[in-house]
N, C-alpha and C. Protein backbone atom coordinates (compact mmCIF):
# COMPACT_ATOMS: atom_id res chain seq x y z
N MET A 1 83.28 131.04 114.03
CA MET A 1 82.63 132.03 114.68
C MET A 1 83.09 133.57 114.45
N LYS A 2 82.21 134.25 114.38
CA LYS A 2 82.33 135.83 114.04
C LYS A 2 83.12 136.34 115.26
N ARG A 3 84.02 137.05 115.07
CA ARG A 3 84.81 137.91 116.15
C ARG A 3 84.67 139.41 116.04
N ARG A 4 84.68 139.99 117.03
CA ARG A 4 84.49 141.51 116.92
C ARG A 4 85.84 142.00 116.29
N ASN A 5 85.53 143.15 115.54
CA ASN A 5 86.79 143.85 115.01
C ASN A 5 87.03 144.94 115.77
N THR A 6 88.01 145.01 116.48
CA THR A 6 88.50 145.96 117.56
C THR A 6 89.55 146.77 116.90
N ALA A 7 89.71 148.11 117.49
CA ALA A 7 90.89 148.95 117.11
C ALA A 7 92.07 148.30 117.23
N THR A 8 92.23 147.67 118.46
CA THR A 8 93.52 146.94 118.77
C THR A 8 93.89 145.98 117.58
N LYS A 9 92.76 145.09 117.29
CA LYS A 9 93.06 144.09 116.16
C LYS A 9 93.41 144.86 114.93
N GLN A 10 92.78 145.92 114.62
CA GLN A 10 93.22 146.69 113.35
C GLN A 10 94.63 147.24 113.31
N LYS A 11 95.03 147.67 114.53
CA LYS A 11 96.46 148.07 114.70
C LYS A 11 97.38 147.01 114.56
N VAL A 12 97.19 145.83 114.83
CA VAL A 12 98.04 144.58 114.75
C VAL A 12 98.07 144.32 113.16
N LEU A 13 96.87 144.37 112.60
CA LEU A 13 96.77 143.81 111.16
C LEU A 13 97.46 145.02 110.38
N GLN A 14 97.35 146.34 110.64
CA GLN A 14 98.03 147.31 109.97
C GLN A 14 99.57 147.12 110.09
N ALA A 15 100.02 146.80 111.28
CA ALA A 15 101.55 146.56 111.49
C ALA A 15 102.05 145.38 110.39
N PHE A 16 101.16 144.44 110.19
CA PHE A 16 101.66 143.44 109.31
C PHE A 16 101.65 143.96 107.93
N LYS A 17 100.74 144.61 107.57
CA LYS A 17 100.38 145.16 106.18
C LYS A 17 101.59 146.27 105.89
N LYS A 18 101.98 146.96 107.02
CA LYS A 18 103.05 148.09 106.75
C LYS A 18 104.33 147.31 106.56
N GLU A 19 104.66 146.18 107.40
CA GLU A 19 106.00 145.61 107.36
C GLU A 19 106.05 144.79 106.17
N ASN A 20 104.92 144.07 105.67
CA ASN A 20 104.94 143.10 104.68
C ASN A 20 105.84 142.05 104.71
N ARG A 21 106.06 141.45 105.84
CA ARG A 21 106.78 140.39 106.18
C ARG A 21 106.33 139.58 107.33
N ALA A 22 106.95 138.37 107.77
CA ALA A 22 106.49 137.90 108.96
C ALA A 22 107.11 138.57 110.10
N LEU A 23 106.33 138.51 111.14
CA LEU A 23 106.75 139.25 112.39
C LEU A 23 106.73 138.37 113.66
N SER A 24 107.62 138.61 114.68
CA SER A 24 107.62 137.82 115.94
C SER A 24 106.75 138.71 116.93
N HIS A 25 106.41 138.09 117.94
CA HIS A 25 105.53 138.81 119.08
C HIS A 25 106.44 140.10 119.49
N GLU A 26 107.82 139.85 119.72
CA GLU A 26 108.54 140.86 120.22
C GLU A 26 108.66 142.01 119.19
N MET A 27 108.65 141.68 117.81
CA MET A 27 108.59 142.77 116.90
C MET A 27 107.32 143.40 116.85
N LEU A 28 106.24 142.80 116.93
CA LEU A 28 104.94 143.60 117.07
C LEU A 28 104.89 144.37 118.21
N GLN A 29 105.25 143.83 119.64
CA GLN A 29 105.28 144.60 120.70
C GLN A 29 106.23 145.87 120.66
N ALA A 30 107.35 145.80 119.97
CA ALA A 30 108.17 147.02 119.91
C ALA A 30 107.57 148.10 119.03
N SER A 31 106.88 147.68 117.96
CA SER A 31 106.15 148.62 117.07
C SER A 31 104.89 149.25 117.62
N LEU A 32 104.29 148.37 118.56
CA LEU A 32 102.80 148.68 119.11
C LEU A 32 102.97 148.81 120.54
N ASP A 33 103.83 149.78 121.04
CA ASP A 33 104.06 149.85 122.54
C ASP A 33 103.02 150.17 123.35
N SER A 34 101.90 150.52 122.75
CA SER A 34 100.60 151.01 123.48
C SER A 34 99.68 149.73 123.80
N ILE A 35 100.00 148.52 123.18
CA ILE A 35 99.31 147.34 123.31
C ILE A 35 100.03 146.39 124.28
N ASP A 36 99.49 145.90 125.29
CA ASP A 36 100.11 144.97 126.25
C ASP A 36 100.53 143.69 125.55
N ARG A 37 101.43 142.96 126.12
CA ARG A 37 101.96 141.83 125.63
C ARG A 37 100.84 140.62 125.60
N ALA A 38 100.15 140.42 126.59
CA ALA A 38 99.11 139.28 126.63
C ALA A 38 98.14 139.64 125.43
N THR A 39 97.77 140.94 125.26
CA THR A 39 96.68 141.08 124.24
C THR A 39 97.19 140.82 122.83
N ILE A 40 98.47 141.07 122.64
CA ILE A 40 99.25 140.82 121.35
C ILE A 40 99.05 139.26 121.09
N TYR A 41 99.48 138.51 122.16
CA TYR A 41 99.53 137.11 122.05
C TYR A 41 98.05 136.56 121.63
N ARG A 42 97.03 137.25 122.38
CA ARG A 42 95.81 136.72 122.06
C ARG A 42 95.16 136.99 120.69
N ILE A 43 95.60 138.21 120.20
CA ILE A 43 95.10 138.46 118.82
C ILE A 43 95.97 137.71 117.80
N LEU A 44 97.11 137.43 118.05
CA LEU A 44 97.89 136.56 117.11
C LEU A 44 97.40 135.13 117.24
N ASN A 45 97.03 134.62 118.13
CA ASN A 45 96.46 133.29 118.29
C ASN A 45 94.98 133.24 117.54
N ARG A 46 94.33 134.37 117.79
CA ARG A 46 93.06 134.32 117.14
C ARG A 46 93.15 134.46 115.71
N PHE A 47 94.04 135.37 115.25
CA PHE A 47 94.26 135.59 113.81
C PHE A 47 94.73 134.09 113.10
N HIS A 48 95.51 133.44 114.01
CA HIS A 48 95.86 132.26 113.32
C HIS A 48 94.85 131.06 113.36
N GLU A 49 93.92 131.20 114.33
CA GLU A 49 92.84 130.41 114.29
C GLU A 49 91.95 130.53 113.32
N ASP A 50 91.71 131.88 112.92
CA ASP A 50 90.82 132.50 111.87
C ASP A 50 91.48 132.33 110.58
N GLY A 51 92.63 131.96 110.22
CA GLY A 51 93.28 131.90 108.98
C GLY A 51 93.64 133.25 108.49
N VAL A 52 93.91 134.26 109.28
CA VAL A 52 94.34 135.56 108.83
C VAL A 52 95.95 135.53 108.79
N VAL A 53 96.54 134.77 109.67
CA VAL A 53 98.11 134.67 109.63
C VAL A 53 98.43 133.06 109.72
N HIS A 54 99.65 132.79 109.31
CA HIS A 54 100.22 131.45 109.45
C HIS A 54 101.37 131.66 110.26
N LYS A 55 101.82 130.59 111.04
CA LYS A 55 102.82 130.49 112.09
C LYS A 55 104.01 129.88 111.22
N ILE A 56 105.20 130.37 111.65
CA ILE A 56 106.53 129.94 111.17
C ILE A 56 107.44 129.74 112.37
N LEU A 57 108.03 128.70 112.64
CA LEU A 57 108.95 128.44 113.54
C LEU A 57 110.41 128.84 113.14
N GLY A 58 111.11 129.89 113.66
CA GLY A 58 112.39 130.30 112.99
C GLY A 58 113.55 129.51 113.69
N ALA A 59 114.58 129.69 113.03
CA ALA A 59 115.82 128.96 113.59
C ALA A 59 116.12 129.50 114.96
N ASP A 60 115.79 130.45 115.41
CA ASP A 60 116.04 130.87 116.60
C ASP A 60 114.99 130.42 117.64
N GLY A 61 114.17 129.75 117.22
CA GLY A 61 113.11 128.97 118.16
C GLY A 61 111.94 129.97 118.26
N LYS A 62 111.80 131.09 117.81
CA LYS A 62 110.63 131.93 118.03
C LYS A 62 109.62 131.61 117.02
N GLN A 63 108.39 132.01 117.34
CA GLN A 63 107.33 131.84 116.34
C GLN A 63 107.26 133.13 115.61
N TYR A 64 107.02 133.19 114.31
CA TYR A 64 106.75 134.25 113.51
C TYR A 64 105.54 134.12 112.92
N PHE A 65 104.81 135.15 112.51
CA PHE A 65 103.50 135.19 111.96
C PHE A 65 103.56 136.00 110.62
N ALA A 66 102.93 135.43 109.57
CA ALA A 66 102.85 136.06 108.26
C ALA A 66 101.31 136.11 107.82
N LEU A 67 101.01 137.25 107.33
CA LEU A 67 99.58 137.30 106.61
C LEU A 67 99.34 136.37 105.61
N CYS A 68 98.32 135.76 105.59
CA CYS A 68 97.77 134.82 104.68
C CYS A 68 97.43 135.71 103.35
N VAL A 69 98.10 135.61 102.26
CA VAL A 69 97.79 136.50 101.26
C VAL A 69 96.92 135.72 100.12
N ASP A 70 97.39 134.55 99.78
CA ASP A 70 96.71 133.75 98.57
C ASP A 70 95.78 132.80 99.16
N CYS A 71 95.32 133.04 100.28
CA CYS A 71 94.61 131.70 100.97
C CYS A 71 93.13 132.07 100.55
N GLU A 72 92.35 131.06 100.53
CA GLU A 72 90.88 131.05 100.46
C GLU A 72 90.32 130.67 101.72
N GLU A 73 89.11 131.06 101.98
CA GLU A 73 88.39 130.85 103.25
C GLU A 73 88.47 129.44 103.70
N ASP A 74 88.36 128.50 102.72
CA ASP A 74 88.30 127.10 103.07
C ASP A 74 89.66 126.20 102.67
N HIS A 75 90.49 127.02 102.20
CA HIS A 75 91.61 126.45 101.66
C HIS A 75 92.97 127.22 101.96
N HIS A 76 93.76 126.98 102.99
CA HIS A 76 94.96 127.91 103.32
C HIS A 76 96.11 127.09 102.64
N ARG A 77 96.94 127.90 101.92
CA ARG A 77 98.14 127.42 101.23
C ARG A 77 99.50 127.91 101.80
N HIS A 78 100.13 127.17 102.67
CA HIS A 78 101.31 127.34 103.29
C HIS A 78 102.42 126.41 103.02
N ASP A 79 102.22 125.85 101.82
CA ASP A 79 103.37 124.86 101.36
C ASP A 79 104.27 125.57 100.50
N HIS A 80 105.11 126.44 101.22
CA HIS A 80 106.10 127.24 100.79
C HIS A 80 107.31 127.37 101.68
N PHE A 81 108.48 127.46 101.18
CA PHE A 81 109.62 127.76 102.10
C PHE A 81 109.58 129.17 102.68
N HIS A 82 110.19 129.44 103.72
CA HIS A 82 110.44 130.64 104.45
C HIS A 82 111.95 130.94 104.45
N PHE A 83 112.20 132.25 104.32
CA PHE A 83 113.74 132.55 104.33
C PHE A 83 113.99 133.46 105.67
N GLN A 84 115.00 133.11 106.59
CA GLN A 84 115.40 134.08 107.81
C GLN A 84 116.66 134.29 107.67
N CYS A 85 116.96 135.50 107.79
CA CYS A 85 118.34 136.12 107.74
C CYS A 85 118.84 135.95 109.14
N SER A 86 120.08 135.30 109.07
CA SER A 86 120.77 135.06 110.31
C SER A 86 121.47 136.35 110.99
N SER A 87 121.48 137.40 110.23
CA SER A 87 121.98 138.57 110.66
C SER A 87 121.00 139.60 111.32
N CYS A 88 119.91 139.84 110.50
CA CYS A 88 118.87 140.81 110.99
C CYS A 88 117.74 140.06 111.49
N GLN A 89 117.45 138.72 111.26
CA GLN A 89 116.36 137.95 111.75
C GLN A 89 115.06 138.25 111.01
N LYS A 90 115.29 138.93 109.78
CA LYS A 90 113.93 139.10 108.94
C LYS A 90 113.70 137.76 108.49
N MET A 91 112.39 137.41 108.51
CA MET A 91 111.67 136.29 107.97
C MET A 91 110.65 136.70 106.78
N GLU A 92 110.87 135.94 105.62
CA GLU A 92 110.05 136.17 104.59
C GLU A 92 109.51 134.93 103.99
N CYS A 93 108.17 134.94 103.41
CA CYS A 93 107.74 133.79 102.71
C CYS A 93 108.43 133.89 101.19
N MET A 94 108.78 132.62 100.89
CA MET A 94 109.22 132.52 99.58
C MET A 94 107.98 132.16 98.56
N GLU A 95 108.16 132.84 97.45
CA GLU A 95 106.85 132.52 96.50
C GLU A 95 106.63 131.26 95.99
N ASP A 96 107.61 130.46 95.58
CA ASP A 96 107.14 129.14 94.99
C ASP A 96 106.79 128.15 95.97
N GLU A 97 105.70 127.63 95.49
CA GLU A 97 104.94 126.42 96.30
C GLU A 97 105.83 125.19 96.15
N VAL A 98 105.92 124.36 97.23
CA VAL A 98 106.76 123.18 97.22
C VAL A 98 105.91 121.91 96.80
N SER A 99 106.47 121.10 96.08
CA SER A 99 105.84 119.79 95.79
C SER A 99 106.68 118.76 96.37
N VAL A 100 105.83 117.85 97.15
CA VAL A 100 106.55 116.79 97.97
C VAL A 100 106.19 115.46 97.45
N SER A 101 106.98 114.58 97.14
CA SER A 101 106.68 113.18 96.74
C SER A 101 106.72 112.34 98.05
N ILE A 102 105.69 111.66 98.32
CA ILE A 102 105.66 110.90 99.54
C ILE A 102 105.20 109.44 99.06
N PRO A 103 105.48 108.34 99.95
CA PRO A 103 105.08 107.06 99.46
C PRO A 103 103.81 106.85 99.33
N GLN A 104 103.42 105.91 98.65
CA GLN A 104 101.90 105.45 98.21
C GLN A 104 101.47 105.15 99.58
N GLY A 105 100.03 105.35 99.76
CA GLY A 105 99.38 105.16 100.89
C GLY A 105 99.43 106.23 102.11
N TYR A 106 100.40 107.02 101.97
CA TYR A 106 100.59 108.22 102.74
C TYR A 106 99.73 109.30 102.51
N GLN A 107 99.29 110.14 103.45
CA GLN A 107 98.44 111.39 103.05
C GLN A 107 99.19 112.62 103.47
N PHE A 108 99.59 113.43 102.55
CA PHE A 108 100.23 114.72 102.66
C PHE A 108 99.22 115.69 103.45
N GLN A 109 99.71 116.35 104.59
CA GLN A 109 98.95 117.21 105.18
C GLN A 109 99.50 118.68 105.36
N SER A 110 100.87 118.69 105.56
CA SER A 110 101.38 120.23 105.53
C SER A 110 102.88 119.91 105.49
N PHE A 111 103.51 121.19 105.06
CA PHE A 111 104.93 121.18 104.87
C PHE A 111 105.38 122.40 105.55
N ARG A 112 106.75 122.45 106.15
CA ARG A 112 107.23 123.42 106.89
C ARG A 112 108.69 123.39 106.59
N GLY A 113 109.07 124.51 105.68
CA GLY A 113 110.37 124.37 105.25
C GLY A 113 111.13 125.88 105.64
N LEU A 114 112.29 125.84 106.15
CA LEU A 114 113.12 127.18 106.45
C LEU A 114 114.30 127.07 105.98
N ILE A 115 114.71 128.12 105.13
CA ILE A 115 116.01 128.39 104.60
C ILE A 115 116.73 129.48 105.53
N VAL A 116 117.75 129.30 106.06
CA VAL A 116 118.53 130.23 106.88
C VAL A 116 119.75 130.64 106.08
N GLY A 117 120.01 132.14 105.95
CA GLY A 117 121.08 132.61 105.23
C GLY A 117 121.15 134.08 105.59
N ILE A 118 121.73 134.86 104.68
CA ILE A 118 121.89 136.32 104.77
C ILE A 118 121.08 137.03 103.65
N CYS A 119 120.18 137.92 104.03
CA CYS A 119 119.28 138.56 103.24
C CYS A 119 120.10 139.76 102.34
N SER A 120 119.50 140.03 101.31
CA SER A 120 120.21 141.02 100.47
C SER A 120 120.47 142.39 101.09
N ASP A 121 119.57 142.84 102.04
CA ASP A 121 120.09 144.03 102.91
C ASP A 121 121.28 143.85 103.66
N CYS A 122 121.48 142.60 104.24
CA CYS A 122 122.72 142.42 105.06
C CYS A 122 123.87 141.93 104.35
N ALA A 123 123.72 141.64 103.11
CA ALA A 123 124.90 140.94 102.31
C ALA A 123 125.77 142.03 102.00
């Protein structure tokens, strides 16, 4: 379904492009104080449904969202690790794709991998 491209959606999209990393709802709300909480949730969920972002569950239990960069319209590639800094909570997509070996007869659908540690800015 084609969705309207609103100024509010563009502000959220620009926030992702400016930060160039995964963001939580709270991070977006802090940087976009003119947009209410419910609207940000709605936009994030639509972006996820439309393949604009992918979701990451952080070690802190929060959902983070990252722009889909190398995804094609009909094939989204999210089979990579994510790194979350336990000090500043920064969440980043790691570049390398993951290869998983599964038993014969099983069908691979998705992978979620999170590495928790200290980022180079906090080290």
